[in-house]
Amino acid sequence: MLTLVNTNATEELGKIIGSVAEPGDNLVLTGDLGAGKTTLTKGIALGLGIDQMIKSPTYTIIREYQQGRLPLYHMDVYRIESGADDLGLDDYFEGEGLSVIEWGKQLGEYLPEDYLELILAKDEQEEQLRQVEWLIHGDKAEKFQARILNAWETK
């Protein structure tokens, strides 16, 4: 469990994630509306060297950002109820970039086989505070988490 004290800390964690990401890493972001999923993704983009404005792809489903050290594939699959198999997501999950999937549990069986899940939870008393829980799904995800935590601890 990791505690983020404010949105700056959430963005800082994102920068670290972006700086240590490797091609084919998959990150699922889970949390209620306003939990910080898009703020975290903005930090990830900065960590990858992407200075383009990051917007939630709620209606477009997938936004690609190619200008960084690695491509960033930002997905918001909240509105996916069926047809996930038609989106060609495996091309992203197994591609040369980092896939960040908001509301990833909506994909069910179409989730990548190997991914790191971050569950962002708002604190009931302290509005800015976030708790981050990590769920590891696979060997690559375990290594990804280790790189993130190592960089977080040495910052």
C-alpha atoms as a PDB file:
ATOM      1  CA  MET A   1       0.000   0.000   0.000  1.00  0.00           C
ATOM      2  CA  LEU A   2       1.244   3.453  -0.915  1.00  0.00           C
ATOM      3  CA  THR A   3      -0.173   6.758   0.370  1.00  0.00           C
ATOM      4  CA  LEU A   4      -0.301   9.796  -1.919  1.00  0.00           C
ATOM      5  CA  VAL A   5      -0.835  13.026   0.012  1.00  0.00           C
ATOM      6  CA  ASN A   6      -2.134  15.194  -2.862  1.00  0.00           C
ATOM      7  CA  THR A   7      -2.495  15.476  -6.637  1.00  0.00           C
ATOM      8  CA  ASN A   8       1.173  16.498  -6.955  1.00  0.00           C
ATOM      9  CA  ALA A   9       2.189  13.202  -5.328  1.00  0.00           C
ATOM     10  CA  THR A  10      -0.173  11.328  -7.665  1.00  0.00           C
ATOM     11  CA  GLU A  11       1.431  13.019 -10.667  1.00  0.00           C
ATOM     12  CA  GLU A  12       4.903  12.312  -9.236  1.00  0.00           C
ATOM     13  CA  LEU A  13       4.100   8.603  -8.978  1.00  0.00           C
ATOM     14  CA  GLY A  14       2.950   8.795 -12.595  1.00  0.00           C
ATOM     15  CA  LYS A  15       6.239  10.378 -13.666  1.00  0.00           C
ATOM     16  CA  ILE A  16       8.121   7.541 -12.007  1.00  0.00           C
ATOM     17  CA  ILE A  17       5.910   4.948 -13.703  1.00  0.00           C
ATOM     18  CA  GLY A  18       6.556   6.595 -17.075  1.00  0.00           C
ATOM     19  CA  SER A  19      10.286   6.816 -16.463  1.00  0.00           C
ATOM     20  CA  VAL A  20      10.670   3.093 -15.666  1.00  0.00           C
ATOM     21  CA  ALA A  21       8.108   1.667 -18.139  1.00  0.00           C
ATOM     22  CA  GLU A  22       9.313  -0.771 -20.763  1.00  0.00           C
ATOM     23  CA  PRO A  23       7.737  -1.759 -24.092  1.00  0.00           C
ATOM     24  CA  GLY A  24       4.767  -4.046 -23.580  1.00  0.00           C
ATOM     25  CA  ASP A  25       4.077  -3.020 -19.973  1.00  0.00           C
ATOM     26  CA  ASN A  26       0.367  -2.907 -19.151  1.00  0.00           C
ATOM     27  CA  LEU A  27      -1.112  -0.860 -16.336  1.00  0.00           C
ATOM     28  CA  VAL A  28      -4.757  -1.118 -15.270  1.00  0.00           C
ATOM     29  CA  LEU A  29      -6.058   1.813 -13.221  1.00  0.00           C
ATOM     30  CA  THR A  30      -9.023   1.095 -10.987  1.00  0.00           C
ATOM     31  CA  GLY A  31     -10.851   3.567  -8.770  1.00  0.00           C
ATOM     32  CA  ASP A  32     -13.980   5.635  -8.400  1.00  0.00           C
ATOM     33  CA  LEU A  33     -14.606   8.790 -10.409  1.00  0.00           C
ATOM     34  CA  GLY A  34     -12.230  11.467  -9.188  1.00  0.00           C
ATOM     35  CA  ALA A  35      -9.793   8.966  -7.643  1.00  0.00           C
ATOM     36  CA  GLY A  36      -6.900  10.285  -9.753  1.00  0.00           C
ATOM     37  CA  LYS A  37      -6.657   7.903 -12.707  1.00  0.00           C
ATOM     38  CA  THR A  38      -6.271  10.663 -15.302  1.00  0.00           C
ATOM     39  CA  THR A  39      -3.966  12.712 -13.036  1.00  0.00           C
ATOM     40  CA  LEU A  40      -1.748   9.647 -12.694  1.00  0.00           C
ATOM     41  CA  THR A  41      -1.794   9.178 -16.482  1.00  0.00           C
ATOM     42  CA  LYS A  42      -0.760  12.826 -17.001  1.00  0.00           C
ATOM     43  CA  GLY A  43       2.260  12.122 -14.801  1.00  0.00           C
ATOM     44  CA  ILE A  44       3.004   8.931 -16.719  1.00  0.00           C
ATOM     45  CA  ALA A  45       3.039  10.915 -19.960  1.00  0.00           C
ATOM     46  CA  LEU A  46       5.477  13.423 -18.458  1.00  0.00           C
ATOM     47  CA  GLY A  47       7.694  10.562 -17.270  1.00  0.00           C
ATOM     48  CA  LEU A  48       7.733   9.244 -20.842  1.00  0.00           C
ATOM     49  CA  GLY A  49       8.703  12.679 -22.167  1.00  0.00           C
ATOM     50  CA  ILE A  50       5.268  13.470 -23.613  1.00  0.00           C
ATOM     51  CA  ASP A  51       4.257  17.080 -23.093  1.00  0.00           C
ATOM     52  CA  GLN A  52       1.022  16.923 -25.064  1.00  0.00           C
ATOM     53  CA  MET A  53      -2.174  17.615 -23.123  1.00  0.00           C
ATOM     54  CA  ILE A  54      -3.573  14.334 -21.779  1.00  0.00           C
ATOM     55  CA  LYS A  55      -7.338  14.037 -21.788  1.00  0.00           C
ATOM     56  CA  SER A  56      -9.423  11.119 -20.640  1.00  0.00           C
ATOM     57  CA  PRO A  57     -10.390   9.082 -23.718  1.00  0.00           C
ATOM     58  CA  THR A  58     -13.880   8.409 -22.350  1.00  0.00           C
ATOM     59  CA  TYR A  59     -15.639   8.672 -25.702  1.00  0.00           C
ATOM     60  CA  THR A  60     -12.789   7.810 -28.060  1.00  0.00           C
ATOM     61  CA  ILE A  61     -11.782   4.732 -25.998  1.00  0.00           C
ATOM     62  CA  ILE A  62      -8.088   4.883 -27.036  1.00  0.00           C
ATOM     63  CA  ARG A  63      -5.725   7.837 -27.413  1.00  0.00           C
ATOM     64  CA  GLU A  64      -2.217   7.268 -28.715  1.00  0.00           C
ATOM     65  CA  TYR A  65       0.675   9.552 -27.828  1.00  0.00           C
ATOM     66  CA  GLN A  66       3.767   8.805 -29.921  1.00  0.00           C
ATOM     67  CA  GLN A  67       6.160  11.638 -29.061  1.00  0.00           C
ATOM     68  CA  GLY A  68       7.787  10.175 -25.938  1.00  0.00           C
ATOM     69  CA  ARG A  69      10.505   7.679 -25.133  1.00  0.00           C
ATOM     70  CA  LEU A  70       7.837   4.989 -25.632  1.00  0.00           C
ATOM     71  CA  PRO A  71       4.383   5.314 -27.138  1.00  0.00           C
ATOM     72  CA  LEU A  72       1.601   5.759 -24.572  1.00  0.00           C
ATOM     73  CA  TYR A  73      -1.680   4.002 -25.288  1.00  0.00           C
ATOM     74  CA  HIS A  74      -4.234   5.577 -22.962  1.00  0.00           C
ATOM     75  CA  MET A  75      -7.512   3.670 -22.837  1.00  0.00           C
ATOM     76  CA  ASP A  76     -10.753   4.346 -21.031  1.00  0.00           C
ATOM     77  CA  VAL A  77     -12.942   1.286 -21.420  1.00  0.00           C
ATOM     78  CA  TYR A  78     -15.681   2.368 -19.001  1.00  0.00           C
ATOM     79  CA  ARG A  79     -18.289   2.379 -21.763  1.00  0.00           C
ATOM     80  CA  ILE A  80     -17.303  -1.009 -23.226  1.00  0.00           C
ATOM     81  CA  GLU A  81     -20.105  -3.459 -22.645  1.00  0.00           C
ATOM     82  CA  SER A  82     -19.433  -5.733 -25.589  1.00  0.00           C
ATOM     83  CA  GLY A  83     -17.238  -5.783 -28.676  1.00  0.00           C
ATOM     84  CA  ALA A  84     -13.917  -5.536 -26.836  1.00  0.00           C
ATOM     85  CA  ASP A  85     -12.647  -8.333 -29.068  1.00  0.00           C
ATOM     86  CA  ASP A  86     -13.192  -6.063 -32.108  1.00  0.00           C
ATOM     87  CA  LEU A  87     -10.897  -3.294 -30.817  1.00  0.00           C
ATOM     88  CA  GLY A  88      -7.606  -5.075 -31.555  1.00  0.00           C
ATOM     89  CA  LEU A  89      -6.376  -4.416 -28.027  1.00  0.00           C
ATOM     90  CA  ASP A  90      -3.765  -7.180 -28.170  1.00  0.00           C
ATOM     91  CA  ASP A  91      -1.842  -5.073 -30.688  1.00  0.00           C
ATOM     92  CA  TYR A  92      -1.506  -2.426 -27.961  1.00  0.00           C
ATOM     93  CA  PHE A  93      -0.937  -4.807 -25.051  1.00  0.00           C
ATOM     94  CA  GLU A  94       1.868  -6.619 -26.856  1.00  0.00           C
ATOM     95  CA  GLY A  95       3.178  -3.556 -28.678  1.00  0.00           C
ATOM     96  CA  GLU A  96       6.154  -1.257 -28.324  1.00  0.00           C
ATOM     97  CA  GLY A  97       4.541   1.106 -25.835  1.00  0.00           C
ATOM     98  CA  LEU A  98       2.967   1.368 -22.412  1.00  0.00           C
ATOM     99  CA  SER A  99      -0.759   0.634 -22.224  1.00  0.00           C
ATOM    100  CA  VAL A 100      -2.634   2.460 -19.464  1.00  0.00           C
ATOM    101  CA  ILE A 101      -6.179   1.151 -19.140  1.00  0.00           C
ATOM    102  CA  GLU A 102      -8.708   3.036 -17.020  1.00  0.00           C
ATOM    103  CA  TRP A 103     -11.633   0.897 -15.825  1.00  0.00           C
ATOM    104  CA  GLY A 104      -9.805  -2.172 -17.147  1.00  0.00           C
ATOM    105  CA  LYS A 105     -12.023  -4.675 -15.341  1.00  0.00           C
ATOM    106  CA  GLN A 106     -14.696  -3.812 -17.936  1.00  0.00           C
ATOM    107  CA  LEU A 107     -12.642  -5.823 -20.442  1.00  0.00           C
ATOM    108  CA  GLY A 108     -13.108  -9.088 -18.554  1.00  0.00           C
ATOM    109  CA  GLU A 109     -11.495 -11.900 -20.538  1.00  0.00           C
ATOM    110  CA  TYR A 110      -9.980  -9.361 -22.969  1.00  0.00           C
ATOM    111  CA  LEU A 111      -7.594  -7.960 -20.373  1.00  0.00           C
ATOM    112  CA  PRO A 112      -3.949  -8.640 -21.184  1.00  0.00           C
ATOM    113  CA  GLU A 113      -2.525 -11.817 -19.661  1.00  0.00           C
ATOM    114  CA  ASP A 114       0.188  -9.898 -17.808  1.00  0.00           C
ATOM    115  CA  TYR A 115      -0.609  -6.549 -16.182  1.00  0.00           C
ATOM    116  CA  LEU A 116      -0.075  -4.458 -13.092  1.00  0.00           C
ATOM    117  CA  GLU A 117      -3.234  -3.071 -11.497  1.00  0.00           C
ATOM    118  CA  LEU A 118      -3.244   0.050  -9.359  1.00  0.00           C
ATOM    119  CA  ILE A 119      -6.344   0.572  -7.254  1.00  0.00           C
ATOM    120  CA  LEU A 120      -6.683   4.225  -6.279  1.00  0.00           C
ATOM    121  CA  ALA A 121      -8.944   4.886  -3.301  1.00  0.00           C
ATOM    122  CA  LYS A 122     -10.005   8.276  -1.971  1.00  0.00           C
ATOM    123  CA  ASP A 123      -9.713   8.853   1.759  1.00  0.00           C
ATOM    124  CA  GLU A 124     -13.052   9.499   3.459  1.00  0.00           C
ATOM    125  CA  GLN A 125     -11.704  12.216   5.800  1.00  0.00           C
ATOM    126  CA  GLU A 126      -8.871  13.806   3.824  1.00  0.00           C
ATOM    127  CA  GLU A 127     -10.041  14.910   0.356  1.00  0.00           C
ATOM    128  CA  GLN A 128      -6.562  15.047  -1.252  1.00  0.00           C
ATOM    129  CA  LEU A 129      -5.302  11.746   0.186  1.00  0.00           C
ATOM    130  CA  ARG A 130      -5.173   8.606  -1.986  1.00  0.00           C
ATOM    131  CA  GLN A 131      -4.316   5.046  -1.055  1.00  0.00           C
ATOM    132  CA  VAL A 132      -2.756   2.938  -3.805  1.00  0.00           C
ATOM    133  CA  GLU A 133      -3.066  -0.821  -3.694  1.00  0.00           C
ATOM    134  CA  TRP A 134      -1.069  -2.991  -6.133  1.00  0.00           C
ATOM    135  CA  LEU A 135      -2.295  -6.199  -7.736  1.00  0.00           C
ATOM    136  CA  ILE A 136       0.226  -8.147  -9.782  1.00  0.00           C
ATOM    137  CA  HIS A 137      -0.952 -10.328 -12.654  1.00  0.00           C
ATOM    138  CA  GLY A 138       2.133 -12.003 -14.141  1.00  0.00           C
ATOM    139  CA  ASP A 139       5.940 -11.955 -14.116  1.00  0.00           C
ATOM    140  CA  LYS A 140       6.340  -8.841 -16.263  1.00  0.00           C
ATOM    141  CA  ALA A 141       3.936  -6.966 -13.956  1.00  0.00           C
ATOM    142  CA  GLU A 142       5.950  -8.050 -10.913  1.00  0.00           C
ATOM    143  CA  LYS A 143       9.130  -6.651 -12.456  1.00  0.00           C
ATOM    144  CA  PHE A 144       7.300  -3.452 -13.464  1.00  0.00           C
ATOM    145  CA  GLN A 145       6.104  -2.928  -9.881  1.00  0.00           C
ATOM    146  CA  ALA A 146       9.608  -3.566  -8.521  1.00  0.00           C
ATOM    147  CA  ARG A 147      11.065  -0.907 -10.866  1.00  0.00           C
ATOM    148  CA  ILE A 148       8.358   1.582  -9.813  1.00  0.00           C
ATOM    149  CA  LEU A 149       8.778   1.009  -6.067  1.00  0.00           C
ATOM    150  CA  ASN A 150      12.572   1.117  -6.309  1.00  0.00           C
ATOM    151  CA  ALA A 151      12.429   4.468  -8.117  1.00  0.00           C
ATOM    152  CA  TRP A 152       9.777   5.791  -5.675  1.00  0.00           C
ATOM    153  CA  GLU A 153      11.907   4.878  -2.651  1.00  0.00           C
ATOM    154  CA  THR A 154      15.067   6.435  -4.091  1.00  0.00           C
ATOM    155  CA  LYS A 155      13.508   9.702  -5.327  1.00  0.00           C
END
